[in-house]
Protein backbone atom coordinates (compact mmCIF):
# COMPACT_ATOMS: atom_id res chain seq x y z
CA UNK A 1 57.97 58.94 176.98
CA UNK A 2 59.17 58.44 173.63
CA UNK A 3 58.01 61.61 171.66
CA UNK A 4 57.99 61.59 167.97
CA UNK A 5 57.01 64.18 164.86
CA UNK A 6 55.96 61.94 162.14
CA UNK A 7 54.77 62.47 158.28
CA UNK A 8 56.33 64.16 155.11
CA UNK A 9 59.07 66.55 155.55
CA UNK A 10 57.47 69.94 156.50
CA UNK A 11 53.91 68.23 157.34
CA UNK A 12 55.08 66.21 160.41
CA UNK A 13 52.48 65.38 163.17
CA UNK A 14 53.00 65.20 167.00
CA UNK A 15 53.15 61.49 168.39
CA UNK A 16 54.40 59.35 170.83
CA UNK A 17 55.41 55.71 171.24
CA UNK A 18 53.40 53.75 173.42
CA UNK A 19 54.88 50.99 175.71
CA UNK A 20 53.88 48.10 173.05
CA UNK A 21 56.05 50.15 170.30
CA UNK A 22 53.08 51.50 168.63
CA UNK A 23 52.94 55.24 167.30
CA UNK A 24 50.14 57.31 168.65
CA UNK A 25 48.78 60.37 167.20
CA UNK A 26 49.21 63.26 169.56
CA UNK A 27 47.65 66.16 167.14
CA UNK A 28 44.53 66.24 169.13
CA UNK A 29 46.23 67.30 172.26
CA UNK A 30 49.35 69.61 171.15
CA UNK A 31 49.90 71.32 167.71
CA UNK A 32 53.56 70.24 167.73
CA UNK A 33 56.60 69.08 169.49
CA UNK A 34 58.72 72.48 169.44
CA UNK A 35 60.01 74.73 172.56
CA UNK A 36 56.59 75.45 174.14
CA UNK A 37 56.01 71.57 174.53
CA UNK A 38 59.37 70.66 175.98
CA UNK A 39 58.81 72.49 179.62
CA UNK A 40 58.72 70.28 182.77
CA UNK A 41 55.00 71.35 183.02
CA UNK A 42 54.15 70.62 179.34
CA UNK A 43 55.76 67.45 179.67
CA UNK A 44 54.32 66.46 182.61
CA UNK A 45 50.82 67.04 181.11
CA UNK A 46 51.83 64.67 178.21
CA UNK A 47 53.05 62.32 180.82
CA UNK A 48 49.58 61.93 182.25
CA UNK A 49 47.76 61.02 179.05
CA UNK A 50 46.65 57.62 178.79
CA UNK A 51 48.12 56.31 175.30
CA UNK A 52 45.57 53.77 174.61
CA UNK A 53 43.08 56.40 174.35
CA UNK A 54 45.04 58.21 171.50
CA UNK A 55 44.51 57.31 168.04
CA UNK A 56 46.81 54.49 166.49
CA UNK A 57 48.61 55.56 163.57
CA UNK A 58 48.62 52.93 160.61
CA UNK A 59 51.38 52.18 158.41
CA UNK A 60 54.91 52.88 158.79
CA UNK A 61 55.27 56.74 158.15
CA UNK A 62 58.29 58.82 157.96
CA UNK A 63 59.70 60.00 161.44
CA UNK A 64 61.16 63.81 161.19
CA UNK A 65 63.51 65.40 163.56
CA UNK A 66 61.43 64.83 167.04
CA UNK A 67 61.64 68.51 167.67
CA UNK A 68 60.58 71.48 165.75
CA UNK A 69 61.84 75.20 165.61
CA UNK A 70 65.58 74.09 166.54
CA UNK A 71 67.59 77.30 167.22
CA UNK A 72 70.99 75.78 167.70
CA UNK A 73 72.37 72.59 166.65
CA UNK A 74 75.62 72.52 168.83
CA UNK A 75 78.52 69.76 168.34
CA UNK A 76 81.25 68.85 170.72
CA UNK A 77 84.44 67.56 169.21
CA UNK A 78 87.20 64.87 170.48
CA UNK A 79 84.98 63.94 173.57
CA UNK A 80 86.19 60.32 173.60
CA UNK A 81 90.01 60.03 174.33
CA UNK A 82 90.20 56.96 172.05
CA UNK A 83 88.37 58.95 169.18
CA UNK A 84 91.04 61.66 169.87
CA UNK A 85 93.96 59.24 169.27
CA UNK A 86 92.49 57.75 166.21
CA UNK A 87 92.22 61.42 164.75
CA UNK A 88 95.89 62.09 165.72
CA UNK A 89 94.70 64.87 167.83
CA UNK A 90 95.43 65.68 171.59
CA UNK A 91 92.88 65.18 174.36
CA UNK A 92 91.18 68.62 174.62
CA UNK A 93 91.41 70.42 178.09
CA UNK A 94 88.16 71.98 177.42
CA UNK A 95 85.15 70.89 175.35
CA UNK A 96 85.64 71.84 171.38
CA UNK A 97 82.66 73.40 170.44
CA UNK A 98 81.30 74.00 166.76
CA UNK A 99 77.96 74.64 165.31
CA UNK A 100 76.16 72.36 162.76
CA UNK A 101 73.79 74.41 160.43
CA UNK A 102 69.97 73.87 161.41
CA UNK A 103 69.69 73.16 157.46
CA UNK A 104 71.53 69.98 158.02
CA UNK A 105 69.00 68.47 160.00
CA UNK A 106 66.83 65.53 158.76
CA UNK A 107 64.97 62.47 160.08
CA UNK A 108 66.44 59.38 161.24
CA UNK A 109 65.83 57.12 158.29
CA UNK A 110 66.13 59.97 155.66
CA UNK A 111 68.50 59.80 152.76
CA UNK A 112 71.99 61.03 153.24
CA UNK A 113 73.47 62.87 150.17
CA UNK A 114 76.95 63.43 149.88
CA UNK A 115 77.92 67.13 149.19
CA UNK A 116 79.08 68.45 146.08
CA UNK A 117 82.62 67.71 145.75
CA UNK A 118 83.00 65.47 148.48
CA UNK A 119 85.64 62.71 149.11
CA UNK A 120 85.87 62.25 152.50
CA UNK A 121 82.45 62.23 154.19
CA UNK A 122 82.40 60.24 157.32
CA UNK A 123 80.01 58.82 159.93
CA UNK A 124 79.70 59.58 163.73
CA UNK A 125 76.88 58.00 166.02
CA UNK A 126 76.44 60.43 169.12
CA UNK A 127 74.38 60.86 171.74
CA UNK A 128 72.15 63.86 171.38
CA UNK A 129 70.73 66.19 174.22
CA UNK A 130 67.88 68.13 173.92
CA UNK A 131 67.43 71.26 175.77
CA UNK A 132 63.88 72.05 177.71
CA UNK A 133 64.53 75.19 179.84
CA UNK A 134 66.65 78.34 179.11
CA UNK A 135 69.90 77.91 180.52
CA UNK A 136 72.20 80.45 181.55
CA UNK A 137 75.50 80.05 183.69
CA UNK A 138 74.12 76.71 185.25
CA UNK A 139 76.11 74.85 187.39
CA UNK A 140 77.04 71.45 186.59
CA UNK A 141 75.05 69.87 189.53
CA UNK A 142 71.93 71.32 188.04
CA UNK A 143 72.62 70.94 184.53
CA UNK A 144 70.50 67.90 183.74
CA UNK A 145 67.45 69.66 185.07
CA UNK A 146 67.70 71.96 181.98
CA UNK A 147 67.44 68.75 179.81
CA UNK A 148 64.28 67.73 178.17
CA UNK A 149 65.27 64.58 176.67
CA UNK A 150 67.99 62.57 174.72
CA UNK A 151 67.98 61.25 171.11
CA UNK A 152 70.45 59.43 168.71
CA UNK A 153 72.51 61.55 166.29
CA UNK A 154 74.59 60.62 163.11
CA UNK A 155 77.15 63.66 163.29
CA UNK A 156 78.19 63.20 159.57
CA UNK A 157 81.27 64.89 158.63
CA UNK A 158 83.16 65.95 155.42
CA UNK A 159 86.67 65.65 156.52
CA UNK A 160 88.64 67.62 153.86
CA UNK A 161 85.80 70.49 154.42
CA UNK A 162 86.35 70.12 157.97
CA UNK A 163 90.12 70.13 158.26
CA UNK A 164 91.67 71.20 155.22
CA UNK A 165 89.89 74.44 154.38
CA UNK A 166 90.76 76.49 157.10
CA UNK A 167 90.54 76.15 160.92
CA UNK A 168 86.56 76.13 161.18
CA UNK A 169 85.01 72.89 161.66
CA UNK A 170 81.84 73.97 160.58
CA UNK A 171 81.94 73.85 156.80
CA UNK A 172 82.35 70.06 157.30
CA UNK A 173 79.62 69.53 159.79
CA UNK A 174 76.62 71.64 158.29
CA UNK A 175 76.12 70.23 154.96
CA UNK A 176 72.63 69.38 153.96
CA UNK A 177 71.33 65.99 155.26
CA UNK A 178 74.64 65.52 157.73
CA UNK A 179 72.23 65.94 161.00
CA UNK A 180 69.78 62.86 161.35
CA UNK A 181 68.25 63.11 164.72
CA UNK A 182 66.01 60.72 166.36
CA UNK A 183 63.62 58.51 165.68
CA UNK A 184 62.28 59.87 168.88
CA UNK A 185 63.20 61.96 171.86
CA UNK A 186 63.07 60.03 175.14
CA UNK A 187 62.56 62.32 178.02
CA UNK A 188 64.79 62.60 180.76
CA UNK A 189 62.88 60.61 183.28
CA UNK A 190 63.44 57.26 181.24
CA UNK A 191 67.24 57.69 181.19
CA UNK A 192 68.54 57.14 184.89
CA UNK A 193 72.19 57.83 183.69
CA UNK A 194 73.19 59.38 180.28
CA UNK A 195 76.57 58.07 181.31
CA UNK A 196 75.79 54.71 180.95
CA UNK A 197 74.30 54.30 177.47
CA UNK A 198 75.90 51.83 174.89
CA UNK A 199 76.07 52.85 171.11
CA UNK A 200 76.99 51.32 167.91
CA UNK A 201 77.28 52.02 164.04
CA UNK A 202 77.37 49.61 161.08
CA UNK A 203 78.62 50.19 157.82
CA UNK A 204 77.04 47.95 154.80
CA UNK A 205 76.45 45.47 157.62
CA UNK A 206 79.74 45.61 159.22
CA UNK A 207 80.13 47.01 162.72
CA UNK A 208 82.59 50.00 162.81
CA UNK A 209 81.77 51.72 166.15
CA UNK A 210 81.22 50.34 169.58
CA UNK A 211 81.31 52.53 172.53
CA UNK A 212 79.61 53.76 175.63
CA UNK A 213 78.74 57.32 176.81
CA UNK A 214 80.83 56.47 180.46
CA UNK A 215 83.91 56.90 178.03
CA UNK A 216 83.26 60.66 177.45
CA UNK A 217 85.75 63.05 178.65
CA UNK A 218 83.15 65.73 179.44
CA UNK A 219 79.73 64.41 180.84
CA UNK A 220 76.48 65.55 179.45
CA UNK A 221 76.06 67.72 182.78
CA UNK A 222 79.43 69.08 182.16
CA UNK A 223 78.71 69.96 178.59
CA UNK A 224 75.35 71.71 179.15
CA UNK A 225 76.80 73.80 182.16
CA UNK A 226 80.18 74.70 180.05
CA UNK A 227 78.01 75.59 177.18
CA UNK A 228 75.56 77.85 179.16
CA UNK A 229 78.46 80.01 180.18
CA UNK A 230 79.03 81.05 176.51
CA UNK A 231 75.50 81.12 175.19
CA UNK A 232 72.19 80.99 176.29
CA UNK A 233 70.73 77.65 175.79
CA UNK A 234 66.96 77.45 174.82
CA UNK A 235 64.28 75.03 174.49
CA UNK A 236 64.61 72.87 171.39
CA UNK A 237 68.21 73.40 171.12
CA UNK A 238 70.30 70.14 170.06
CA UNK A 239 73.62 69.22 171.51
CA UNK A 240 75.61 66.21 169.83
CA UNK A 241 77.96 65.01 172.68
CA UNK A 242 80.98 63.56 170.61
CA UNK A 243 81.58 59.85 169.09
CA UNK A 244 83.57 56.98 170.08
CA UNK A 245 86.45 55.28 167.94
CA UNK A 246 85.92 53.75 164.55
CA UNK A 247 85.00 56.17 162.19
CA UNK A 248 86.48 56.16 158.56
CA UNK A 249 89.01 59.06 158.96
CA UNK A 250 90.70 56.84 161.67
CA UNK A 251 91.07 53.53 159.56
CA UNK A 252 94.32 52.56 157.80
CA UNK A 253 93.67 52.86 154.99
CA UNK A 254 90.91 55.60 155.43
CA UNK A 255 87.37 54.70 154.43
CA UNK A 256 84.95 57.33 153.55
CA UNK A 257 81.28 57.09 152.36
CA UNK A 258 80.33 56.49 148.72
CA UNK A 259 77.15 56.35 146.87
CA UNK A 260 75.21 53.32 147.81
CA UNK A 261 76.39 52.69 151.08
CA UNK A 262 74.13 51.42 154.05
CA UNK A 263 74.33 53.04 157.49
CA UNK A 264 72.91 51.66 160.70
CA UNK A 265 73.47 52.87 164.13
CA UNK A 266 71.71 53.29 167.49
CA UNK A 267 72.09 53.85 171.11
CA UNK A 268 70.41 51.86 173.99
CA UNK A 269 66.92 53.15 175.18
CA UNK A 270 67.28 55.81 172.36
CA UNK A 271 66.25 53.83 169.07
CA UNK A 272 67.90 53.19 166.07
CA UNK A 273 68.39 55.19 162.51
CA UNK A 274 68.76 53.76 159.12
CA UNK A 275 70.38 55.70 156.25
CA UNK A 276 71.04 55.13 152.45
CA UNK A 277 73.90 57.38 150.98
CA UNK A 278 73.42 58.94 147.56
CA UNK A 279 75.73 61.21 145.22
CA UNK A 280 74.99 65.07 145.34
CA UNK A 281 72.14 66.08 143.19
CA UNK A 282 71.06 69.62 143.51
CA UNK A 283 67.85 70.43 144.81
């Protein structure tokens, strides 16, 4: 299934995308798509529905973050060896873990706003993992059983904030609008192998990133297992698993986002995102 939350910010309704690509309304079946709806039992009930009997949604509504009530938004850094090389950093022996503020979450096609004082904001297409079952000290062999589904993430990063203001990456990762997720959550049963997914990102119509999850240093199963040693993973938690090469920081000369830029990105089987970049404006 492809599960979505659609509508104006703060007023999203649950929905699904049928086999023909049409948006169907799920609000008559469930209140929202959140932690309670991500369990194996709940997803199995939704899978039994006949999409043709659900109301079709007219027009092209906004897609919000495909899961509500996200408790943790976790990032994995330098998880592709060629990205580590372009960043001038060693390949990590263990996953590098950072947190993205949940206030950075935004819809797949929402506007990206450069933070105040930003000069080095960057793009990163990433495979997203959404947890469906509480996970504590799970084995790598069992780890994928705790995953509800997968999604596209643009792990936007302000490199100066991230790398030039102390040792904590979080400052450059959690800016408002720096976490577009979606457009939908694709349930685990539709992705035979999360380590065989092609991904790409275009900036102003030019291909910048081309990669595949098969080249990840630490697999999705390894990441989920590893994280569950240090924190309890809860239903609705989102994990961004790292980016392939082609980010602005790795270019010579370096290139960063500016007002008016156009970003498009996608992952095979998980959909596409499109964001316009604007300068900072106080809310």
